[in-house]
């Protein structure tokens, strides 16, 4: 696999300047046009405002890119037929010369291969509800269990089985910390209703844990830094609960299964909360990118 690292990202890594990886699925599949391109540019500017270099990741014509230029970012945002690529899809995309936006698992893998240590996203995938029946679990978890990267997120998507996901992360040996909170965030919600064992209060403390990971050694697993969306910007909890129940019922009634479940539920939430769920999602992403930039700066300074 020929990994294409942009000149800007390579120069920053060589000079030990802060770099933050950003996924591209939110650009190609998570937002309508032309808002998607505006948000993509905004998130890159958030990284720059923290003194860092953004490394948006995608696959173009079979070549994985870490860091996109203006034209490449526009292509991911506007081109029809952009595939959605998890890490298992990367060999196929490379062999077939396909173009695709990277999910959490593919972004984390490519970022780590390029030497980028900090990655910001919205919410992770996890264990799906009724797992005992469907055996449906996101590929994010297994990949993060064997990839040394720090992921700043707002927890896992609230449509999932949150306690089962936390248990699975513990079993896989993935370190989870709350940033400024003893509660695990709920993606759209500030509090999923479940605690975390460890809390960190500053980017410097996060960077210290990253260095300790390297010093301790062992399996190359991720550090998940879970930062809650501010309560003032979260989705109203009562509205969230009602619409999610309706979405789950509609999903079952229409026979939606497998990989189609998550996009179906997220789209249902956007439409039936009049866009409030999307606003909460974007608020979380912006905050996570900002924090990731600060963590990357502390990491680079060490």
C-alpha atoms as a PDB file:
ATOM      1  CA  UNK A   1       0.000   0.000   0.000  1.00  0.00           C
ATOM      2  CA  UNK A   2       1.457   3.334  -1.071  1.00  0.00           C
ATOM      3  CA  UNK A   3       0.552   5.846   1.623  1.00  0.00           C
ATOM      4  CA  UNK A   4       0.544   9.430   0.340  1.00  0.00           C
ATOM      5  CA  UNK A   5       1.392  11.865   3.122  1.00  0.00           C
ATOM      6  CA  UNK A   6       0.967  15.503   2.105  1.00  0.00           C
ATOM      7  CA  UNK A   7       4.030  17.737   2.163  1.00  0.00           C
ATOM      8  CA  UNK A   8       2.506  19.884   4.907  1.00  0.00           C
ATOM      9  CA  UNK A   9       1.796  16.901   7.154  1.00  0.00           C
ATOM     10  CA  UNK A  10       5.174  15.271   6.492  1.00  0.00           C
ATOM     11  CA  UNK A  11       7.057  18.481   7.236  1.00  0.00           C
ATOM     12  CA  UNK A  12       5.089  18.940  10.474  1.00  0.00           C
ATOM     13  CA  UNK A  13       5.789  15.371  11.603  1.00  0.00           C
ATOM     14  CA  UNK A  14       9.478  15.658  10.772  1.00  0.00           C
ATOM     15  CA  UNK A  15       9.691  18.928  12.741  1.00  0.00           C
ATOM     16  CA  UNK A  16       7.663  17.484  15.669  1.00  0.00           C
ATOM     17  CA  UNK A  17       4.907  20.020  15.203  1.00  0.00           C
ATOM     18  CA  UNK A  18       1.339  19.111  16.207  1.00  0.00           C
ATOM     19  CA  UNK A  19      -0.779  17.161  13.700  1.00  0.00           C
ATOM     20  CA  UNK A  20      -4.421  16.078  14.090  1.00  0.00           C
ATOM     21  CA  UNK A  21      -6.020  13.366  11.953  1.00  0.00           C
ATOM     22  CA  UNK A  22      -9.581  13.958  10.747  1.00  0.00           C
ATOM     23  CA  UNK A  23     -11.927  11.418   9.195  1.00  0.00           C
ATOM     24  CA  UNK A  24     -13.624  12.040   5.859  1.00  0.00           C
ATOM     25  CA  UNK A  25     -16.840  10.033   6.275  1.00  0.00           C
ATOM     26  CA  UNK A  26     -18.542  13.016   7.886  1.00  0.00           C
ATOM     27  CA  UNK A  27     -17.721  14.987   4.724  1.00  0.00           C
ATOM     28  CA  UNK A  28     -18.855  12.467   2.127  1.00  0.00           C
ATOM     29  CA  UNK A  29     -21.684  10.729   3.957  1.00  0.00           C
ATOM     30  CA  UNK A  30     -22.579  12.608   7.137  1.00  0.00           C
ATOM     31  CA  UNK A  31     -23.691  16.009   5.866  1.00  0.00           C
ATOM     32  CA  UNK A  32     -25.612  17.385   2.883  1.00  0.00           C
ATOM     33  CA  UNK A  33     -23.910  19.418   0.182  1.00  0.00           C
ATOM     34  CA  UNK A  34     -22.671  22.169   0.275  1.00  0.00           C
ATOM     35  CA  UNK A  35     -22.657  22.246   4.080  1.00  0.00           C
ATOM     36  CA  UNK A  36     -20.292  19.279   4.165  1.00  0.00           C
ATOM     37  CA  UNK A  37     -17.472  21.173   2.467  1.00  0.00           C
ATOM     38  CA  UNK A  38     -17.947  24.213   4.701  1.00  0.00           C
ATOM     39  CA  UNK A  39     -17.730  22.022   7.802  1.00  0.00           C
ATOM     40  CA  UNK A  40     -14.668  20.188   6.455  1.00  0.00           C
ATOM     41  CA  UNK A  41     -12.851  23.486   5.943  1.00  0.00           C
ATOM     42  CA  UNK A  42     -14.037  24.768   9.314  1.00  0.00           C
ATOM     43  CA  UNK A  43     -12.669  21.727  11.159  1.00  0.00           C
ATOM     44  CA  UNK A  44      -9.305  22.082   9.466  1.00  0.00           C
ATOM     45  CA  UNK A  45      -9.225  25.737  10.516  1.00  0.00           C
ATOM     46  CA  UNK A  46     -10.023  24.748  14.105  1.00  0.00           C
ATOM     47  CA  UNK A  47      -6.856  22.619  14.105  1.00  0.00           C
ATOM     48  CA  UNK A  48      -4.823  25.474  12.647  1.00  0.00           C
ATOM     49  CA  UNK A  49      -6.173  27.866  15.271  1.00  0.00           C
ATOM     50  CA  UNK A  50      -4.604  25.603  17.911  1.00  0.00           C
ATOM     51  CA  UNK A  51      -1.251  25.809  16.131  1.00  0.00           C
ATOM     52  CA  UNK A  52      -1.564  22.398  14.484  1.00  0.00           C
ATOM     53  CA  UNK A  53      -1.689  20.897  11.010  1.00  0.00           C
ATOM     54  CA  UNK A  54      -4.893  19.090   9.942  1.00  0.00           C
ATOM     55  CA  UNK A  55      -4.502  15.690   8.288  1.00  0.00           C
ATOM     56  CA  UNK A  56      -7.842  14.849   6.713  1.00  0.00           C
ATOM     57  CA  UNK A  57      -7.676  11.232   5.516  1.00  0.00           C
ATOM     58  CA  UNK A  58      -9.289   9.605   2.474  1.00  0.00           C
ATOM     59  CA  UNK A  59      -8.562   7.212  -0.393  1.00  0.00           C
ATOM     60  CA  UNK A  60      -8.429   8.675  -3.895  1.00  0.00           C
ATOM     61  CA  UNK A  61      -8.080   6.464  -6.966  1.00  0.00           C
ATOM     62  CA  UNK A  62      -6.727   3.635  -4.864  1.00  0.00           C
ATOM     63  CA  UNK A  63      -4.165   5.723  -2.995  1.00  0.00           C
ATOM     64  CA  UNK A  64      -4.625   6.427   0.720  1.00  0.00           C
ATOM     65  CA  UNK A  65      -3.961  10.096   1.499  1.00  0.00           C
ATOM     66  CA  UNK A  66      -3.034  11.549   4.885  1.00  0.00           C
ATOM     67  CA  UNK A  67      -3.638  15.272   4.409  1.00  0.00           C
ATOM     68  CA  UNK A  68      -5.754  16.618   1.557  1.00  0.00           C
ATOM     69  CA  UNK A  69      -5.244  19.732  -0.519  1.00  0.00           C
ATOM     70  CA  UNK A  70      -8.072  22.081  -1.519  1.00  0.00           C
ATOM     71  CA  UNK A  71      -9.015  20.185  -4.680  1.00  0.00           C
ATOM     72  CA  UNK A  72      -8.906  16.786  -2.977  1.00  0.00           C
ATOM     73  CA  UNK A  73     -11.120  17.988  -0.127  1.00  0.00           C
ATOM     74  CA  UNK A  74     -13.610  19.347  -2.665  1.00  0.00           C
ATOM     75  CA  UNK A  75     -13.568  16.032  -4.485  1.00  0.00           C
ATOM     76  CA  UNK A  76     -14.442  14.062  -1.342  1.00  0.00           C
ATOM     77  CA  UNK A  77     -17.250  16.517  -0.599  1.00  0.00           C
ATOM     78  CA  UNK A  78     -18.753  16.767  -4.071  1.00  0.00           C
ATOM     79  CA  UNK A  79     -17.973  13.687  -6.149  1.00  0.00           C
ATOM     80  CA  UNK A  80     -20.681  11.076  -6.605  1.00  0.00           C
ATOM     81  CA  UNK A  81     -19.763   7.458  -5.925  1.00  0.00           C
ATOM     82  CA  UNK A  82     -17.385   8.073  -3.024  1.00  0.00           C
ATOM     83  CA  UNK A  83     -17.416   4.832  -1.062  1.00  0.00           C
ATOM     84  CA  UNK A  84     -17.485   4.439   2.716  1.00  0.00           C
ATOM     85  CA  UNK A  85     -14.326   2.620   3.768  1.00  0.00           C
ATOM     86  CA  UNK A  86     -13.610   0.810   7.009  1.00  0.00           C
ATOM     87  CA  UNK A  87     -10.149  -0.604   7.592  1.00  0.00           C
ATOM     88  CA  UNK A  88     -11.128  -3.974   6.095  1.00  0.00           C
ATOM     89  CA  UNK A  89     -12.043  -2.231   2.829  1.00  0.00           C
ATOM     90  CA  UNK A  90      -8.658  -0.579   2.318  1.00  0.00           C
ATOM     91  CA  UNK A  91      -6.971  -3.458   0.435  1.00  0.00           C
ATOM     92  CA  UNK A  92      -9.955  -3.694  -1.905  1.00  0.00           C
ATOM     93  CA  UNK A  93     -10.025   0.055  -2.512  1.00  0.00           C
ATOM     94  CA  UNK A  94      -6.278   0.095  -3.215  1.00  0.00           C
ATOM     95  CA  UNK A  95      -6.394  -2.934  -5.522  1.00  0.00           C
ATOM     96  CA  UNK A  96      -9.416  -1.681  -7.458  1.00  0.00           C
ATOM     97  CA  UNK A  97      -8.342   1.959  -7.668  1.00  0.00           C
ATOM     98  CA  UNK A  98     -11.453   3.089  -5.820  1.00  0.00           C
ATOM     99  CA  UNK A  99     -12.084   6.375  -4.034  1.00  0.00           C
ATOM    100  CA  UNK A 100     -13.610   6.480  -0.587  1.00  0.00           C
ATOM    101  CA  UNK A 101     -14.097   8.343   2.659  1.00  0.00           C
ATOM    102  CA  UNK A 102     -12.571   6.740   5.721  1.00  0.00           C
ATOM    103  CA  UNK A 103     -14.487   5.725   8.834  1.00  0.00           C
ATOM    104  CA  UNK A 104     -13.020   5.787  12.343  1.00  0.00           C
ATOM    105  CA  UNK A 105     -11.275   2.425  11.898  1.00  0.00           C
ATOM    106  CA  UNK A 106      -9.710   3.237   8.529  1.00  0.00           C
ATOM    107  CA  UNK A 107      -8.736   6.754   9.619  1.00  0.00           C
ATOM    108  CA  UNK A 108      -7.096   5.487  12.802  1.00  0.00           C
ATOM    109  CA  UNK A 109      -5.142   2.830  10.916  1.00  0.00           C
ATOM    110  CA  UNK A 110      -3.854   5.176   8.212  1.00  0.00           C
ATOM    111  CA  UNK A 111      -3.066   7.939  10.693  1.00  0.00           C
ATOM    112  CA  UNK A 112      -1.021   5.556  12.825  1.00  0.00           C
ATOM    113  CA  UNK A 113       0.812   4.236   9.746  1.00  0.00           C
ATOM    114  CA  UNK A 114       1.766   7.814   8.882  1.00  0.00           C
ATOM    115  CA  UNK A 115       2.970   8.548  12.408  1.00  0.00           C
ATOM    116  CA  UNK A 116       0.052  10.788  13.445  1.00  0.00           C
ATOM    117  CA  UNK A 117      -0.762  10.129  17.098  1.00  0.00           C
ATOM    118  CA  UNK A 118      -3.904  12.249  17.705  1.00  0.00           C
ATOM    119  CA  UNK A 119      -7.263  11.805  15.939  1.00  0.00           C
ATOM    120  CA  UNK A 120     -10.495  13.754  16.460  1.00  0.00           C
ATOM    121  CA  UNK A 121     -13.954  12.480  15.569  1.00  0.00           C
ATOM    122  CA  UNK A 122     -17.579  12.725  16.695  1.00  0.00           C
ATOM    123  CA  UNK A 123     -18.682   9.403  18.172  1.00  0.00           C
ATOM    124  CA  UNK A 124     -17.202   5.933  17.970  1.00  0.00           C
ATOM    125  CA  UNK A 125     -18.965   2.832  16.780  1.00  0.00           C
ATOM    126  CA  UNK A 126     -19.622   0.079  19.270  1.00  0.00           C
ATOM    127  CA  UNK A 127     -21.810  -2.837  20.258  1.00  0.00           C
ATOM    128  CA  UNK A 128     -25.274  -2.658  18.731  1.00  0.00           C
ATOM    129  CA  UNK A 129     -28.464  -3.185  20.670  1.00  0.00           C
ATOM    130  CA  UNK A 130     -29.696  -6.783  20.729  1.00  0.00           C
ATOM    131  CA  UNK A 131     -26.142  -7.967  20.194  1.00  0.00           C
ATOM    132  CA  UNK A 132     -27.041 -11.427  21.509  1.00  0.00           C
ATOM    133  CA  UNK A 133     -29.310 -11.810  18.474  1.00  0.00           C
ATOM    134  CA  UNK A 134     -27.443  -9.904  15.749  1.00  0.00           C
ATOM    135  CA  UNK A 135     -23.778 -10.272  16.847  1.00  0.00           C
ATOM    136  CA  UNK A 136     -23.378  -6.773  15.376  1.00  0.00           C
ATOM    137  CA  UNK A 137     -20.318  -4.903  16.625  1.00  0.00           C
ATOM    138  CA  UNK A 138     -18.440  -2.031  15.015  1.00  0.00           C
ATOM    139  CA  UNK A 139     -15.033  -2.752  13.515  1.00  0.00           C
ATOM    140  CA  UNK A 140     -13.835   0.379  15.349  1.00  0.00           C
ATOM    141  CA  UNK A 141     -13.415  -1.551  18.588  1.00  0.00           C
ATOM    142  CA  UNK A 142     -11.154  -4.308  17.318  1.00  0.00           C
ATOM    143  CA  UNK A 143      -8.990  -1.891  15.339  1.00  0.00           C
ATOM    144  CA  UNK A 144      -8.549   0.440  18.321  1.00  0.00           C
ATOM    145  CA  UNK A 145      -7.517  -2.536  20.427  1.00  0.00           C
ATOM    146  CA  UNK A 146      -4.395  -2.936  18.276  1.00  0.00           C
ATOM    147  CA  UNK A 147      -3.589   0.608  17.162  1.00  0.00           C
ATOM    148  CA  UNK A 148      -1.565   3.115  19.199  1.00  0.00           C
ATOM    149  CA  UNK A 149      -3.497   6.339  18.674  1.00  0.00           C
ATOM    150  CA  UNK A 150      -5.303   8.860  20.874  1.00  0.00           C
ATOM    151  CA  UNK A 151      -8.920   9.352  19.811  1.00  0.00           C
ATOM    152  CA  UNK A 152     -10.811  12.401  21.042  1.00  0.00           C
ATOM    153  CA  UNK A 153     -14.535  11.731  20.772  1.00  0.00           C
ATOM    154  CA  UNK A 154     -17.907  12.356  22.421  1.00  0.00           C
ATOM    155  CA  UNK A 155     -18.269   8.739  23.497  1.00  0.00           C
ATOM    156  CA  UNK A 156     -20.055   6.221  21.305  1.00  0.00           C
ATOM    157  CA  UNK A 157     -23.154   6.852  19.246  1.00  0.00           C
ATOM    158  CA  UNK A 158     -26.167   6.869  21.542  1.00  0.00           C
ATOM    159  CA  UNK A 159     -28.102   4.544  19.228  1.00  0.00           C
ATOM    160  CA  UNK A 160     -25.782   1.752  20.427  1.00  0.00           C
ATOM    161  CA  UNK A 161     -25.642  -0.383  23.566  1.00  0.00           C
ATOM    162  CA  UNK A 162     -23.402   1.903  25.608  1.00  0.00           C
ATOM    163  CA  UNK A 163     -22.762  -0.310  28.671  1.00  0.00           C
ATOM    164  CA  UNK A 164     -22.007  -3.307  26.445  1.00  0.00           C
ATOM    165  CA  UNK A 165     -19.601  -1.167  24.422  1.00  0.00           C
ATOM    166  CA  UNK A 166     -17.784  -0.009  27.550  1.00  0.00           C
ATOM    167  CA  UNK A 167     -17.518  -3.618  28.712  1.00  0.00           C
ATOM    168  CA  UNK A 168     -16.180  -4.671  25.320  1.00  0.00           C
ATOM    169  CA  UNK A 169     -13.560  -1.905  25.374  1.00  0.00           C
ATOM    170  CA  UNK A 170     -12.458  -3.085  28.811  1.00  0.00           C
ATOM    171  CA  UNK A 171     -12.192  -6.674  27.571  1.00  0.00           C
ATOM    172  CA  UNK A 172     -10.125  -5.539  24.579  1.00  0.00           C
ATOM    173  CA  UNK A 173      -7.790  -3.538  26.823  1.00  0.00           C
ATOM    174  CA  UNK A 174      -8.595  -0.140  25.320  1.00  0.00           C
ATOM    175  CA  UNK A 175      -8.000   2.715  27.773  1.00  0.00           C
ATOM    176  CA  UNK A 176     -10.997   5.032  28.224  1.00  0.00           C
ATOM    177  CA  UNK A 177     -10.875   8.322  30.132  1.00  0.00           C
ATOM    178  CA  UNK A 178     -13.389  11.082  30.668  1.00  0.00           C
ATOM    179  CA  UNK A 179     -12.116  14.554  29.873  1.00  0.00           C
ATOM    180  CA  UNK A 180     -13.193  16.842  32.699  1.00  0.00           C
ATOM    181  CA  UNK A 181     -15.936  14.428  33.700  1.00  0.00           C
ATOM    182  CA  UNK A 182     -16.461  11.215  35.633  1.00  0.00           C
ATOM    183  CA  UNK A 183     -19.310  10.261  33.314  1.00  0.00           C
ATOM    184  CA  UNK A 184     -19.080   8.666  29.908  1.00  0.00           C
ATOM    185  CA  UNK A 185     -20.538  11.031  27.285  1.00  0.00           C
ATOM    186  CA  UNK A 186     -23.532  10.009  25.191  1.00  0.00           C
ATOM    187  CA  UNK A 187     -22.600  11.540  21.798  1.00  0.00           C
ATOM    188  CA  UNK A 188     -25.691  13.750  21.399  1.00  0.00           C
ATOM    189  CA  UNK A 189     -25.958  13.876  25.192  1.00  0.00           C
ATOM    190  CA  UNK A 190     -23.470  15.096  27.777  1.00  0.00           C
ATOM    191  CA  UNK A 191     -24.016  12.018  29.950  1.00  0.00           C
ATOM    192  CA  UNK A 192     -24.754   8.495  28.743  1.00  0.00           C
ATOM    193  CA  UNK A 193     -25.734   7.483  32.286  1.00  0.00           C
ATOM    194  CA  UNK A 194     -22.569   5.443  32.823  1.00  0.00           C
ATOM    195  CA  UNK A 195     -19.382   6.280  34.758  1.00  0.00           C
ATOM    196  CA  UNK A 196     -15.742   6.151  33.702  1.00  0.00           C
ATOM    197  CA  UNK A 197     -12.950   4.905  35.944  1.00  0.00           C
ATOM    198  CA  UNK A 198     -10.466   7.668  35.145  1.00  0.00           C
ATOM    199  CA  UNK A 199     -10.744  11.412  34.571  1.00  0.00           C
ATOM    200  CA  UNK A 200      -8.164  13.746  33.026  1.00  0.00           C
ATOM    201  CA  UNK A 201      -8.384  17.516  33.345  1.00  0.00           C
ATOM    202  CA  UNK A 202      -5.927  18.991  30.836  1.00  0.00           C
ATOM    203  CA  UNK A 203      -4.212  18.324  27.498  1.00  0.00           C
ATOM    204  CA  UNK A 204      -0.921  18.022  29.402  1.00  0.00           C
ATOM    205  CA  UNK A 205      -2.353  15.164  31.484  1.00  0.00           C
ATOM    206  CA  UNK A 206      -3.503  13.398  28.308  1.00  0.00           C
ATOM    207  CA  UNK A 207      -0.033  13.769  26.777  1.00  0.00           C
ATOM    208  CA  UNK A 208       1.490  12.343  29.970  1.00  0.00           C
ATOM    209  CA  UNK A 209      -0.693   9.237  29.615  1.00  0.00           C
ATOM    210  CA  UNK A 210       0.336   8.900  25.956  1.00  0.00           C
ATOM    211  CA  UNK A 211       3.999   8.939  26.974  1.00  0.00           C
ATOM    212  CA  UNK A 212       3.294   6.445  29.735  1.00  0.00           C
ATOM    213  CA  UNK A 213       1.647   4.124  27.186  1.00  0.00           C
ATOM    214  CA  UNK A 214       4.882   4.076  25.225  1.00  0.00           C
ATOM    215  CA  UNK A 215       6.991   3.613  28.356  1.00  0.00           C
ATOM    216  CA  UNK A 216       4.910   0.732  29.684  1.00  0.00           C
ATOM    217  CA  UNK A 217       4.887  -1.008  26.303  1.00  0.00           C
ATOM    218  CA  UNK A 218       2.742  -4.063  25.651  1.00  0.00           C
ATOM    219  CA  UNK A 219      -0.037  -4.202  23.102  1.00  0.00           C
ATOM    220  CA  UNK A 220      -0.401  -1.137  20.870  1.00  0.00           C
ATOM    221  CA  UNK A 221      -3.926  -0.134  21.874  1.00  0.00           C
ATOM    222  CA  UNK A 222      -5.670   3.228  21.677  1.00  0.00           C
ATOM    223  CA  UNK A 223      -6.371   5.880  24.282  1.00  0.00           C
ATOM    224  CA  UNK A 224      -9.957   7.103  24.079  1.00  0.00           C
ATOM    225  CA  UNK A 225     -10.459  10.618  25.435  1.00  0.00           C
ATOM    226  CA  UNK A 226     -14.208  11.058  25.864  1.00  0.00           C
ATOM    227  CA  UNK A 227     -15.252  14.698  26.036  1.00  0.00           C
ATOM    228  CA  UNK A 228     -18.943  15.530  26.557  1.00  0.00           C
ATOM    229  CA  UNK A 229     -20.772  17.967  24.341  1.00  0.00           C
ATOM    230  CA  UNK A 230     -21.625  21.039  26.471  1.00  0.00           C
ATOM    231  CA  UNK A 231     -25.039  20.719  28.143  1.00  0.00           C
ATOM    232  CA  UNK A 232     -26.108  23.954  26.449  1.00  0.00           C
ATOM    233  CA  UNK A 233     -25.542  22.326  23.048  1.00  0.00           C
ATOM    234  CA  UNK A 234     -26.696  18.778  23.699  1.00  0.00           C
ATOM    235  CA  UNK A 235     -29.871  17.303  22.243  1.00  0.00           C
ATOM    236  CA  UNK A 236     -32.778  17.583  24.672  1.00  0.00           C
ATOM    237  CA  UNK A 237     -32.638  14.254  26.580  1.00  0.00           C
ATOM    238  CA  UNK A 238     -36.422  13.734  26.556  1.00  0.00           C
ATOM    239  CA  UNK A 239     -36.611  14.404  22.813  1.00  0.00           C
ATOM    240  CA  UNK A 240     -33.641  12.090  22.242  1.00  0.00           C
ATOM    241  CA  UNK A 241     -35.249   9.244  24.195  1.00  0.00           C
ATOM    242  CA  UNK A 242     -38.616   9.575  22.437  1.00  0.00           C
ATOM    243  CA  UNK A 243     -37.266   9.829  18.902  1.00  0.00           C
ATOM    244  CA  UNK A 244     -34.725   7.060  19.407  1.00  0.00           C
ATOM    245  CA  UNK A 245     -37.482   4.690  20.583  1.00  0.00           C
ATOM    246  CA  UNK A 246     -39.484   5.603  17.480  1.00  0.00           C
ATOM    247  CA  UNK A 247     -36.428   5.109  15.258  1.00  0.00           C
ATOM    248  CA  UNK A 248     -35.697   1.666  16.692  1.00  0.00           C
ATOM    249  CA  UNK A 249     -39.321   0.641  16.151  1.00  0.00           C
ATOM    250  CA  UNK A 250     -39.256   1.916  12.558  1.00  0.00           C
ATOM    251  CA  UNK A 251     -35.996   0.083  11.941  1.00  0.00           C
ATOM    252  CA  UNK A 252     -37.496  -3.213  13.105  1.00  0.00           C
ATOM    253  CA  UNK A 253     -40.745  -2.637  11.213  1.00  0.00           C
ATOM    254  CA  UNK A 254     -38.928  -1.949   7.939  1.00  0.00           C
ATOM    255  CA  UNK A 255     -36.547  -4.865   8.356  1.00  0.00           C
ATOM    256  CA  UNK A 256     -33.376  -2.758   8.275  1.00  0.00           C
ATOM    257  CA  UNK A 257     -30.357  -4.878   9.225  1.00  0.00           C
ATOM    258  CA  UNK A 258     -26.552  -4.975   9.169  1.00  0.00           C
ATOM    259  CA  UNK A 259     -24.571  -1.957   8.036  1.00  0.00           C
ATOM    260  CA  UNK A 260     -27.790  -0.162   7.071  1.00  0.00           C
ATOM    261  CA  UNK A 261     -28.937   0.159  10.700  1.00  0.00           C
ATOM    262  CA  UNK A 262     -26.649   2.985  11.849  1.00  0.00           C
ATOM    263  CA  UNK A 263     -27.258   5.367   8.902  1.00  0.00           C
ATOM    264  CA  UNK A 264     -30.998   4.635   9.104  1.00  0.00           C
ATOM    265  CA  UNK A 265     -31.174   5.529  12.796  1.00  0.00           C
ATOM    266  CA  UNK A 266     -28.983   8.615  12.508  1.00  0.00           C
ATOM    267  CA  UNK A 267     -30.992   9.904   9.552  1.00  0.00           C
ATOM    268  CA  UNK A 268     -34.243   9.263  11.429  1.00  0.00           C
ATOM    269  CA  UNK A 269     -32.954  11.288  14.380  1.00  0.00           C
ATOM    270  CA  UNK A 270     -31.955  14.206  12.158  1.00  0.00           C
ATOM    271  CA  UNK A 271     -35.345  14.299  10.417  1.00  0.00           C
ATOM    272  CA  UNK A 272     -37.481  13.840  13.529  1.00  0.00           C
ATOM    273  CA  UNK A 273     -35.591  16.295  15.742  1.00  0.00           C
ATOM    274  CA  UNK A 274     -35.770  19.034  13.075  1.00  0.00           C
ATOM    275  CA  UNK A 275     -31.995  18.906  12.707  1.00  0.00           C
ATOM    276  CA  UNK A 276     -31.270  19.303  16.420  1.00  0.00           C
ATOM    277  CA  UNK A 277     -29.371  16.008  16.549  1.00  0.00           C
ATOM    278  CA  UNK A 278     -27.108  17.159  13.724  1.00  0.00           C
ATOM    279  CA  UNK A 279     -26.446  20.445  15.524  1.00  0.00           C
ATOM    280  CA  UNK A 280     -25.443  18.545  18.668  1.00  0.00           C
ATOM    281  CA  UNK A 281     -23.233  16.254  16.579  1.00  0.00           C
ATOM    282  CA  UNK A 282     -21.408  19.187  14.994  1.00  0.00           C
ATOM    283  CA  UNK A 283     -20.999  20.935  18.345  1.00  0.00           C
ATOM    284  CA  UNK A 284     -19.365  17.789  19.695  1.00  0.00           C
ATOM    285  CA  UNK A 285     -17.078  17.427  16.677  1.00  0.00           C
ATOM    286  CA  UNK A 286     -15.919  21.047  16.854  1.00  0.00           C
ATOM    287  CA  UNK A 287     -15.115  20.714  20.548  1.00  0.00           C
ATOM    288  CA  UNK A 288     -13.285  17.432  19.983  1.00  0.00           C
ATOM    289  CA  UNK A 289     -11.174  18.859  17.171  1.00  0.00           C
ATOM    290  CA  UNK A 290     -10.269  21.855  19.320  1.00  0.00           C
ATOM    291  CA  UNK A 291      -9.236  19.619  22.221  1.00  0.00           C
ATOM    292  CA  UNK A 292      -7.310  17.297  19.899  1.00  0.00           C
ATOM    293  CA  UNK A 293      -5.323  20.278  18.634  1.00  0.00           C
ATOM    294  CA  UNK A 294      -4.366  21.194  22.192  1.00  0.00           C
ATOM    295  CA  UNK A 295      -3.417  17.599  23.024  1.00  0.00           C
ATOM    296  CA  UNK A 296      -1.326  17.332  19.845  1.00  0.00           C
ATOM    297  CA  UNK A 297       0.509  20.503  20.841  1.00  0.00           C
ATOM    298  CA  UNK A 298       1.343  19.068  24.277  1.00  0.00           C
ATOM    299  CA  UNK A 299       2.410  15.778  22.712  1.00  0.00           C
ATOM    300  CA  UNK A 300       4.676  17.512  20.201  1.00  0.00           C
ATOM    301  CA  UNK A 301       6.205  19.688  22.921  1.00  0.00           C
ATOM    302  CA  UNK A 302       7.345  16.645  24.856  1.00  0.00           C
END
